[in-house]
Amino acid sequence: MSKQAAGGARLAALDLLGGVLDGRRALGEVRPSQQDLPARDLAFATHLAYGVLRWLGALEWLAGRLLDKPLKHKDRDMHRLVLVGLFQLWQDDTPAHAAVHANAECARQAGKPWAVGLVNAVLRRFLREREALLGGLEKSENRYAHPDWLLDILRQDWPADWTSIAAQNNRAAPLWLRVNRQRTDVESQLSVLAAAGFTAHRHPKATEAVVIEPAAPVSAIPGFAGGLLSVQDPAAQLAAQMLDPQPGERVLDACAAPGGKTSHLLEYQPDIELLALDRDLDRCRLINDNLARLGLSCPVLEADAGEPAGWWDGKPFDRILLDAPCSATGVIRRHPEIKCLREPGQVSRAVEDQRRLLEALWPLLETGGMLVYATCSVLKCENHEQIHGFLSRHPDAAIAGPGDPAEGGWQIQPGEDDMDGFFYAQLRKHS
């Protein structure tokens, strides 16, 4: 990569970080200002932004000890450039000379030549004092690179597991695919992927899941454009197996966007009457786009599942999938910005919304039917406690499994069987 290209990628990384940290947007929604950035440079910029966000708390701790005084707010881009350099030197195994020089020169390209010497000095000091600095970091809770409020909840909910959850959150997730069983099979796709130079293997629990290495853009994955494959973590793929719809059944996907589980339900069992809902029109378009790529279709309504009077026709559903809005604390390894975008108040609001949706949808379920409640969270207030509360209010509901009924469902921890963190509760309705 040329000096100009490396600088452009780093400038783009600063744009991405600004979009998250200043604009409070998810990283996947941010685009750098450089419109003509080559794909390779954009990939590198994204890699740098993900790395800084993944280790932000620890990197800030290091920067605080290396900078003589905090930079002014108007120069927060230069502060973030320091974080990029520290990430490369500490976690990315970038050759020291290359990281120091490229990041220092990026300050010049950003129009702040005064910061060239500062970035150079800070990164060189890190190299000189690396052992002592990292030793100090290991004595601080900043080593977990999680906000204090989230660590406190993880400690309370998972006293024996909270450190391993934090560690798994700080590891990049592998690229998992879902094989469209209506158009191909897993063994055929494993052969195709191997012929294309990928190492691929199946998952022990999710029957259509295949992991590939190295990770690649979907445009480079054979079969994706043709609808044979989708990107989806095995934990999310378990939703279709948990719901297990049967031919002829009426099924509701209550919070369906972006459509991964909707399309999987139709691949799993095409002979169902499926209705997909989402309360955001743009997200409904995403559902339709996903269905179209896979050659699938079902009605998609812009509607709030928690207000059935506006969309329900009065005919009960045999099965309901409630993939509820949540804190997303189980998918931090895929979306590290969650650690800096989430706040305790958002978790409380999610818990209230989950309860509202459960209460609204339960009357729509046929007697003998099943509702699968799912979140990509590891917080008990959204999972076990939510389900225990629901069961206490509804004597006609019972846990059907898997998981320990006393625990209210099945919690998958981040990294367990190489999956994202997820929670499932199968709720059967009896008379």
Protein backbone atom coordinates (compact mmCIF):
# COMPACT_ATOMS: atom_id res chain seq x y z
CA MET A 1 0.00 0.00 0.00
CA SER A 2 1.44 3.39 -1.01
CA LYS A 3 1.97 6.21 1.47
CA GLN A 4 -0.92 8.12 -0.09
CA ALA A 5 -3.19 5.09 0.05
CA ALA A 6 -2.23 4.34 3.67
CA GLY A 7 -2.96 7.93 4.61
CA GLY A 8 -6.29 7.85 2.81
CA ALA A 9 -7.29 4.68 4.63
CA ARG A 10 -6.37 6.20 8.00
CA LEU A 11 -8.27 9.39 7.21
CA ALA A 12 -11.25 7.22 6.31
CA ALA A 13 -10.86 5.35 9.62
CA LEU A 14 -11.04 8.70 11.43
CA ASP A 15 -14.25 9.47 9.53
CA LEU A 16 -15.72 6.13 10.57
CA LEU A 17 -14.76 6.64 14.20
CA GLY A 18 -16.25 10.14 14.15
CA GLY A 19 -19.51 8.79 12.76
CA VAL A 20 -19.75 6.37 15.67
CA LEU A 21 -18.36 8.41 18.55
CA ASP A 22 -19.73 11.83 17.52
CA GLY A 23 -22.67 10.85 15.35
CA ARG A 24 -23.76 7.98 17.64
CA ARG A 25 -24.36 5.71 14.66
CA ALA A 26 -23.59 2.04 14.17
CA LEU A 27 -20.33 1.49 12.33
CA GLY A 28 -22.06 -0.27 9.45
CA GLU A 29 -24.16 2.85 8.83
CA VAL A 30 -21.20 5.24 8.50
CA ARG A 31 -19.50 6.07 5.22
CA PRO A 32 -16.18 7.95 4.94
CA SER A 33 -16.10 11.32 3.19
CA GLN A 34 -13.68 9.98 0.55
CA GLN A 35 -16.16 8.76 -2.04
CA ASP A 36 -13.57 7.26 -4.40
CA LEU A 37 -11.67 5.20 -1.84
CA PRO A 38 -10.56 1.86 -3.37
CA ALA A 39 -12.17 -1.25 -1.89
CA ARG A 40 -8.86 -2.43 -0.39
CA ASP A 41 -8.34 0.90 1.40
CA LEU A 42 -11.92 0.96 2.64
CA ALA A 43 -11.47 -2.55 4.04
CA PHE A 44 -8.30 -1.44 5.84
CA ALA A 45 -10.04 1.67 7.21
CA THR A 46 -12.90 -0.48 8.49
CA HIS A 47 -10.43 -2.88 10.08
CA LEU A 48 -8.74 0.00 11.92
CA ALA A 49 -12.07 1.45 13.08
CA TYR A 50 -13.27 -1.92 14.34
CA GLY A 51 -10.01 -2.43 16.20
CA VAL A 52 -10.13 0.93 17.94
CA LEU A 53 -13.77 0.47 18.93
CA ARG A 54 -13.11 -3.05 20.17
CA TRP A 55 -10.30 -1.90 22.48
CA LEU A 56 -11.44 1.68 23.06
CA GLY A 57 -11.48 1.63 26.87
CA ALA A 58 -7.99 0.15 27.07
CA LEU A 59 -6.61 2.41 24.33
CA GLU A 60 -7.99 5.50 26.10
CA TRP A 61 -6.25 4.36 29.29
CA LEU A 62 -2.95 4.05 27.44
CA ALA A 63 -3.38 7.38 25.66
CA GLY A 64 -4.12 9.08 28.96
CA ARG A 65 -0.71 8.02 30.24
CA LEU A 66 1.16 8.89 27.08
CA LEU A 67 -0.25 12.33 26.32
CA ASP A 68 1.15 15.14 28.49
CA LYS A 69 -2.25 16.83 28.40
CA PRO A 70 -5.58 16.10 26.71
CA LEU A 71 -6.04 17.44 23.20
CA LYS A 72 -8.68 20.09 22.58
CA HIS A 73 -12.12 18.97 21.48
CA LYS A 74 -11.55 20.42 17.99
CA ASP A 75 -8.53 18.13 17.67
CA ARG A 76 -10.30 14.94 18.71
CA ASP A 77 -9.44 13.51 15.27
CA MET A 78 -5.76 13.67 16.24
CA HIS A 79 -6.55 11.98 19.55
CA ARG A 80 -8.24 9.20 17.59
CA LEU A 81 -5.25 8.99 15.28
CA VAL A 82 -3.16 8.25 18.38
CA LEU A 83 -5.64 5.50 19.27
CA VAL A 84 -5.30 4.03 15.77
CA GLY A 85 -1.53 3.93 16.15
CA LEU A 86 -1.70 2.37 19.61
CA PHE A 87 -4.12 -0.28 18.33
CA GLN A 88 -1.75 -1.17 15.52
CA LEU A 89 1.29 -1.37 17.80
CA TRP A 90 -0.45 -3.27 20.60
CA GLN A 91 -3.10 -5.50 19.04
CA ASP A 92 -2.53 -5.59 15.29
CA ASP A 93 1.12 -6.68 15.05
CA THR A 94 1.89 -3.93 12.57
CA PRO A 95 5.64 -3.38 12.15
CA ALA A 96 6.58 -0.61 14.57
CA HIS A 97 8.31 1.66 12.07
CA ALA A 98 5.42 1.45 9.60
CA ALA A 99 2.78 2.19 12.23
CA VAL A 100 4.62 5.15 13.72
CA HIS A 101 5.54 6.72 10.41
CA ALA A 102 2.20 6.19 8.65
CA ASN A 103 0.10 7.53 11.51
CA ALA A 104 2.36 10.54 12.04
CA GLU A 105 2.22 11.39 8.33
CA CYS A 106 -1.57 11.01 8.40
CA ALA A 107 -1.69 14.05 10.69
CA ARG A 108 -0.05 16.07 7.92
CA GLN A 109 -2.53 14.76 5.36
CA ALA A 110 -5.35 15.70 7.72
CA GLY A 111 -4.16 19.32 7.52
CA LYS A 112 -2.63 19.40 11.00
CA PRO A 113 1.14 19.37 10.53
CA TRP A 114 1.65 20.50 14.12
CA ALA A 115 0.41 17.03 15.22
CA VAL A 116 3.01 15.07 13.22
CA GLY A 117 5.59 15.36 15.97
CA LEU A 118 3.04 14.70 18.70
CA VAL A 119 1.77 11.46 17.14
CA ASN A 120 5.33 10.36 16.44
CA ALA A 121 6.44 11.06 20.01
CA VAL A 122 3.46 9.37 21.66
CA LEU A 123 3.78 6.17 19.62
CA ARG A 124 7.55 5.99 20.10
CA ARG A 125 7.10 6.47 23.83
CA PHE A 126 4.65 3.57 23.85
CA LEU A 127 7.28 1.39 22.20
CA ARG A 128 9.90 2.40 24.78
CA GLU A 129 7.59 1.95 27.78
CA ARG A 130 5.42 -0.85 26.42
CA GLU A 131 6.16 -3.40 29.14
CA ALA A 132 5.48 -1.02 32.02
CA LEU A 133 2.39 0.46 30.40
CA LEU A 134 0.80 -2.89 29.62
CA GLY A 135 1.68 -4.10 33.11
CA GLY A 136 -0.21 -1.14 34.55
CA LEU A 137 -3.15 -1.77 32.22
CA GLU A 138 -3.37 -5.36 33.46
CA LYS A 139 -3.95 -4.02 36.99
CA SER A 140 -6.81 -1.85 35.78
CA GLU A 141 -10.33 -2.87 34.80
CA ASN A 142 -9.75 -0.89 31.62
CA ARG A 143 -8.03 -4.03 30.34
CA TYR A 144 -11.48 -5.48 29.68
CA ALA A 145 -12.32 -2.55 27.36
CA HIS A 146 -15.94 -2.49 28.54
CA PRO A 147 -17.88 0.37 30.16
CA ASP A 148 -18.14 0.13 33.94
CA TRP A 149 -21.94 -0.18 33.96
CA LEU A 150 -21.84 -3.18 31.63
CA LEU A 151 -19.07 -4.93 33.59
CA ASP A 152 -21.11 -4.43 36.78
CA ILE A 153 -24.15 -6.14 35.22
CA LEU A 154 -22.06 -8.98 33.79
CA ARG A 155 -20.50 -9.56 37.22
CA GLN A 156 -23.91 -9.67 38.85
CA ASP A 157 -25.55 -11.88 36.23
CA TRP A 158 -22.61 -14.20 35.52
CA PRO A 159 -20.26 -14.22 38.54
CA ALA A 160 -18.34 -17.25 37.25
CA ASP A 161 -18.32 -16.27 33.57
CA TRP A 162 -18.12 -12.49 33.28
CA THR A 163 -14.39 -12.36 32.47
CA SER A 164 -14.74 -14.96 29.72
CA ILE A 165 -17.75 -13.08 28.28
CA ALA A 166 -15.69 -9.88 28.17
CA ALA A 167 -12.78 -11.72 26.57
CA GLN A 168 -15.01 -13.27 23.90
CA ASN A 169 -16.56 -9.86 23.19
CA ASN A 170 -13.07 -8.58 22.36
CA ARG A 171 -12.40 -11.26 19.75
CA ALA A 172 -13.41 -10.72 16.16
CA ALA A 173 -16.21 -13.05 15.11
CA PRO A 174 -15.74 -15.56 12.27
CA LEU A 175 -17.74 -15.40 9.06
CA TRP A 176 -20.65 -17.83 9.22
CA LEU A 177 -22.91 -18.58 6.27
CA ARG A 178 -26.34 -20.19 6.01
CA VAL A 179 -26.96 -22.66 3.20
CA ASN A 180 -30.32 -22.28 1.43
CA ARG A 181 -31.59 -25.84 1.76
CA GLN A 182 -34.35 -25.25 -0.80
CA ARG A 183 -31.77 -24.76 -3.56
CA THR A 184 -28.68 -26.70 -2.49
CA ASP A 185 -27.20 -28.64 0.42
CA VAL A 186 -24.36 -28.16 2.89
CA GLU A 187 -22.05 -30.82 1.44
CA SER A 188 -22.32 -29.37 -2.06
CA GLN A 189 -21.49 -25.89 -0.80
CA LEU A 190 -18.54 -27.14 1.24
CA SER A 191 -17.11 -28.58 -1.97
CA VAL A 192 -17.71 -25.38 -3.93
CA LEU A 193 -16.13 -23.24 -1.22
CA ALA A 194 -13.11 -25.53 -0.95
CA ALA A 195 -12.62 -25.33 -4.74
CA ALA A 196 -12.67 -21.53 -4.45
CA GLY A 197 -9.82 -21.62 -1.92
CA PHE A 198 -11.76 -21.33 1.33
CA THR A 199 -11.41 -23.53 4.38
CA ALA A 200 -14.96 -24.37 5.40
CA HIS A 201 -16.70 -26.63 7.89
CA ARG A 202 -20.13 -27.22 9.43
CA HIS A 203 -21.51 -26.23 12.80
CA PRO A 204 -22.38 -28.88 15.42
CA LYS A 205 -25.81 -27.42 16.29
CA ALA A 206 -27.07 -25.21 13.44
CA THR A 207 -27.76 -27.64 10.62
CA GLU A 208 -27.32 -25.19 7.70
CA ALA A 209 -24.37 -23.23 9.12
CA VAL A 210 -20.95 -23.17 7.46
CA VAL A 211 -17.91 -21.14 8.59
CA ILE A 212 -15.33 -19.99 6.05
CA GLU A 213 -11.74 -18.82 6.30
CA PRO A 214 -10.41 -16.42 5.33
CA ALA A 215 -13.32 -14.02 5.72
CA ALA A 216 -14.20 -12.32 2.45
CA PRO A 217 -16.70 -9.80 1.07
CA VAL A 218 -19.90 -11.46 -0.08
CA SER A 219 -19.09 -10.54 -3.69
CA ALA A 220 -16.16 -12.97 -3.50
CA ILE A 221 -18.15 -15.87 -2.04
CA PRO A 222 -19.41 -18.30 -4.70
CA GLY A 223 -23.15 -18.87 -4.46
CA PHE A 224 -24.02 -15.75 -2.49
CA ALA A 225 -25.22 -13.62 -5.41
CA GLY A 226 -27.25 -16.56 -6.68
CA GLY A 227 -29.13 -16.96 -3.42
CA LEU A 228 -27.48 -20.19 -2.32
CA LEU A 229 -25.91 -18.63 0.77
CA SER A 230 -26.61 -15.91 3.33
CA VAL A 231 -24.46 -14.40 6.07
CA GLN A 232 -25.84 -15.37 9.48
CA ASP A 233 -24.36 -16.51 12.79
CA PRO A 234 -25.27 -20.05 13.90
CA ALA A 235 -26.95 -18.73 17.05
CA ALA A 236 -29.36 -16.70 14.92
CA GLN A 237 -29.89 -19.69 12.61
CA LEU A 238 -31.19 -21.70 15.55
CA ALA A 239 -34.36 -19.60 15.55
CA ALA A 240 -35.90 -21.58 12.67
CA GLN A 241 -35.03 -24.89 14.33
CA MET A 242 -36.47 -23.68 17.63
CA LEU A 243 -39.72 -22.53 16.03
CA ASP A 244 -39.87 -25.67 13.84
CA PRO A 245 -42.84 -24.56 11.68
CA GLN A 246 -44.88 -27.34 10.06
CA PRO A 247 -46.55 -27.41 6.62
CA GLY A 248 -49.74 -25.37 6.43
CA GLU A 249 -49.17 -23.49 9.68
CA ARG A 250 -49.80 -19.78 10.08
CA VAL A 251 -46.58 -18.14 11.32
CA LEU A 252 -45.70 -14.62 12.45
CA ASP A 253 -42.20 -13.13 12.41
CA ALA A 254 -42.98 -10.20 14.68
CA CYS A 255 -39.79 -8.08 14.52
CA ALA A 256 -38.43 -9.33 11.24
CA ALA A 257 -35.88 -6.83 9.88
CA PRO A 258 -33.45 -7.18 8.26
CA GLY A 259 -35.01 -10.48 7.20
CA GLY A 260 -32.41 -13.12 7.99
CA LYS A 261 -34.72 -15.19 10.16
CA THR A 262 -37.72 -14.50 7.89
CA SER A 263 -35.92 -15.97 4.89
CA HIS A 264 -34.55 -18.86 6.93
CA LEU A 265 -38.08 -19.81 8.04
CA LEU A 266 -39.13 -20.03 4.38
CA GLU A 267 -36.02 -22.03 3.49
CA TYR A 268 -36.65 -24.32 6.47
CA GLN A 269 -40.32 -24.88 5.64
CA PRO A 270 -41.65 -23.25 2.44
CA ASP A 271 -45.22 -24.53 2.92
CA ILE A 272 -46.23 -22.08 5.66
CA GLU A 273 -48.37 -18.95 5.71
CA LEU A 274 -45.76 -16.47 6.95
CA LEU A 275 -46.32 -12.81 7.84
CA ALA A 276 -43.34 -10.56 8.56
CA LEU A 277 -43.63 -7.28 10.45
CA ASP A 278 -41.36 -4.37 11.19
CA ARG A 279 -42.28 -0.90 12.37
CA ASP A 280 -39.71 0.89 10.16
CA LEU A 281 -40.39 1.25 6.44
CA ASP A 282 -36.73 1.29 5.41
CA ARG A 283 -36.12 -1.89 7.38
CA CYS A 284 -39.13 -3.49 5.68
CA ARG A 285 -37.40 -2.77 2.38
CA LEU A 286 -34.36 -4.67 3.68
CA ILE A 287 -36.58 -7.68 4.39
CA ASN A 288 -37.95 -7.60 0.85
CA ASP A 289 -34.45 -7.19 -0.60
CA ASN A 290 -33.22 -10.25 1.29
CA LEU A 291 -36.22 -12.31 0.22
CA ALA A 292 -35.80 -11.27 -3.41
CA ARG A 293 -32.11 -12.27 -3.51
CA LEU A 294 -33.04 -15.72 -2.23
CA GLY A 295 -36.03 -16.12 -4.54
CA LEU A 296 -38.50 -16.13 -1.63
CA SER A 297 -41.61 -14.14 -0.84
CA CYS A 298 -44.14 -13.48 1.90
CA PRO A 299 -46.27 -10.52 3.00
CA VAL A 300 -44.16 -7.84 4.73
CA LEU A 301 -46.03 -5.17 6.68
CA GLU A 302 -44.81 -1.91 8.18
CA ALA A 303 -46.46 -2.29 11.57
CA ASP A 304 -45.80 -2.34 15.30
CA ALA A 305 -46.17 -5.91 16.50
CA GLY A 306 -47.08 -4.52 19.92
CA GLU A 307 -50.24 -2.88 18.51
CA PRO A 308 -52.15 -5.73 16.80
CA ALA A 309 -55.31 -3.67 16.34
CA GLY A 310 -53.59 -1.93 13.45
CA TRP A 311 -52.66 -5.05 11.45
CA TRP A 312 -54.05 -8.35 12.83
CA ASP A 313 -56.94 -9.98 10.95
CA GLY A 314 -58.21 -11.87 14.01
CA LYS A 315 -57.01 -15.29 12.85
CA PRO A 316 -54.68 -16.92 15.44
CA PHE A 317 -51.11 -17.90 14.61
CA ASP A 318 -49.83 -21.43 15.15
CA ARG A 319 -46.31 -20.15 15.78
CA ILE A 320 -44.83 -16.76 16.57
CA LEU A 321 -41.19 -15.73 16.46
CA LEU A 322 -40.49 -12.72 18.67
CA ASP A 323 -36.90 -11.72 17.99
CA ALA A 324 -37.24 -8.87 20.44
CA PRO A 325 -35.45 -5.51 20.39
CA CYS A 326 -32.67 -5.73 22.95
CA SER A 327 -29.33 -4.40 24.17
CA ALA A 328 -27.45 -6.58 21.62
CA THR A 329 -24.84 -7.34 24.29
CA GLY A 330 -24.45 -10.84 22.87
CA VAL A 331 -23.13 -9.62 19.51
CA ILE A 332 -20.46 -7.17 20.70
CA ARG A 333 -17.79 -9.29 19.03
CA ARG A 334 -19.44 -8.40 15.69
CA HIS A 335 -20.42 -4.84 16.63
CA PRO A 336 -17.88 -3.48 19.14
CA GLU A 337 -19.41 -0.01 18.92
CA ILE A 338 -22.24 -1.35 21.09
CA LYS A 339 -19.95 -0.87 24.08
CA CYS A 340 -19.78 2.88 23.52
CA LEU A 341 -23.28 3.45 22.12
CA ARG A 342 -25.35 1.61 24.73
CA GLU A 343 -26.40 3.19 28.03
CA PRO A 344 -28.22 1.71 31.04
CA GLY A 345 -31.38 3.66 30.21
CA GLN A 346 -31.54 2.00 26.80
CA VAL A 347 -31.48 -1.42 28.45
CA SER A 348 -34.37 -0.43 30.72
CA ARG A 349 -36.39 0.78 27.75
CA ALA A 350 -35.66 -2.44 25.87
CA VAL A 351 -36.95 -4.48 28.82
CA GLU A 352 -40.21 -2.50 28.80
CA ASP A 353 -40.59 -2.93 25.03
CA GLN A 354 -39.99 -6.67 25.30
CA ARG A 355 -42.68 -6.98 27.95
CA ARG A 356 -45.09 -4.91 25.83
CA LEU A 357 -44.52 -7.14 22.81
CA LEU A 358 -44.92 -10.38 24.76
CA GLU A 359 -48.19 -9.20 26.29
CA ALA A 360 -49.55 -8.01 22.94
CA LEU A 361 -48.63 -11.12 20.96
CA TRP A 362 -49.59 -13.88 23.40
CA PRO A 363 -53.37 -13.47 22.77
CA LEU A 364 -52.71 -13.91 19.03
CA LEU A 365 -51.31 -17.44 19.55
CA GLU A 366 -53.53 -20.47 19.00
CA THR A 367 -54.06 -22.79 21.96
CA GLY A 368 -51.43 -25.47 21.61
CA GLY A 369 -49.23 -23.10 19.61
CA MET A 370 -45.69 -21.99 20.32
CA LEU A 371 -44.06 -18.60 20.73
CA VAL A 372 -40.27 -18.46 20.55
CA TYR A 373 -38.81 -15.48 22.39
CA ALA A 374 -35.28 -14.57 21.28
CA THR A 375 -32.74 -11.87 22.02
CA CYS A 376 -29.08 -11.35 21.12
CA SER A 377 -28.44 -10.32 24.72
CA VAL A 378 -26.62 -11.84 27.68
CA LEU A 379 -28.37 -9.69 30.30
CA LYS A 380 -30.73 -11.60 32.59
CA CYS A 381 -33.16 -8.68 32.87
CA GLU A 382 -33.90 -9.14 29.15
CA ASN A 383 -33.86 -12.92 29.21
CA HIS A 384 -34.39 -15.16 32.23
CA GLU A 385 -36.06 -12.47 34.34
CA GLN A 386 -38.24 -11.34 31.45
CA ILE A 387 -39.52 -14.87 30.89
CA HIS A 388 -40.01 -15.63 34.60
CA GLY A 389 -42.11 -12.48 34.86
CA PHE A 390 -44.16 -13.46 31.82
CA LEU A 391 -44.81 -16.97 33.15
CA SER A 392 -45.95 -15.55 36.50
CA ARG A 393 -48.57 -13.44 34.69
CA HIS A 394 -49.73 -16.17 32.29
CA PRO A 395 -50.73 -19.53 33.79
CA ASP A 396 -51.55 -20.77 30.27
CA ALA A 397 -47.85 -20.53 29.29
CA ALA A 398 -45.15 -23.14 29.88
CA ILE A 399 -41.50 -23.53 28.95
CA ALA A 400 -41.14 -26.20 26.27
CA GLY A 401 -37.31 -26.33 26.17
CA PRO A 402 -34.41 -26.50 25.51
CA GLY A 403 -32.52 -25.23 28.49
CA ASP A 404 -33.36 -25.55 32.16
CA PRO A 405 -37.05 -24.69 32.75
CA ALA A 406 -36.04 -23.25 36.11
CA GLU A 407 -33.77 -20.82 34.26
CA GLY A 408 -36.55 -19.74 31.91
CA GLY A 409 -34.80 -20.66 28.69
CA TRP A 410 -31.49 -21.29 26.97
CA GLN A 411 -28.65 -18.79 27.22
CA ILE A 412 -25.88 -19.12 24.65
CA GLN A 413 -22.78 -17.26 25.79
CA PRO A 414 -20.58 -15.38 23.30
CA GLY A 415 -18.07 -17.79 21.80
CA GLU A 416 -19.94 -20.91 22.94
CA ASP A 417 -19.62 -23.38 20.05
CA ASP A 418 -18.21 -20.40 18.14
CA MET A 419 -21.60 -18.62 18.28
CA ASP A 420 -22.77 -15.14 19.18
CA GLY A 421 -24.47 -14.61 22.52
CA PHE A 422 -28.19 -15.43 22.21
CA PHE A 423 -31.15 -16.34 24.39
CA TYR A 424 -34.12 -18.53 23.46
CA ALA A 425 -37.30 -19.43 25.30
CA GLN A 426 -39.90 -21.75 23.74
CA LEU A 427 -43.29 -20.90 25.21
CA ARG A 428 -46.14 -23.36 24.64
CA LYS A 429 -49.74 -22.17 25.10
CA HIS A 430 -52.12 -24.59 26.79
CA SER A 431 -55.77 -24.28 27.69
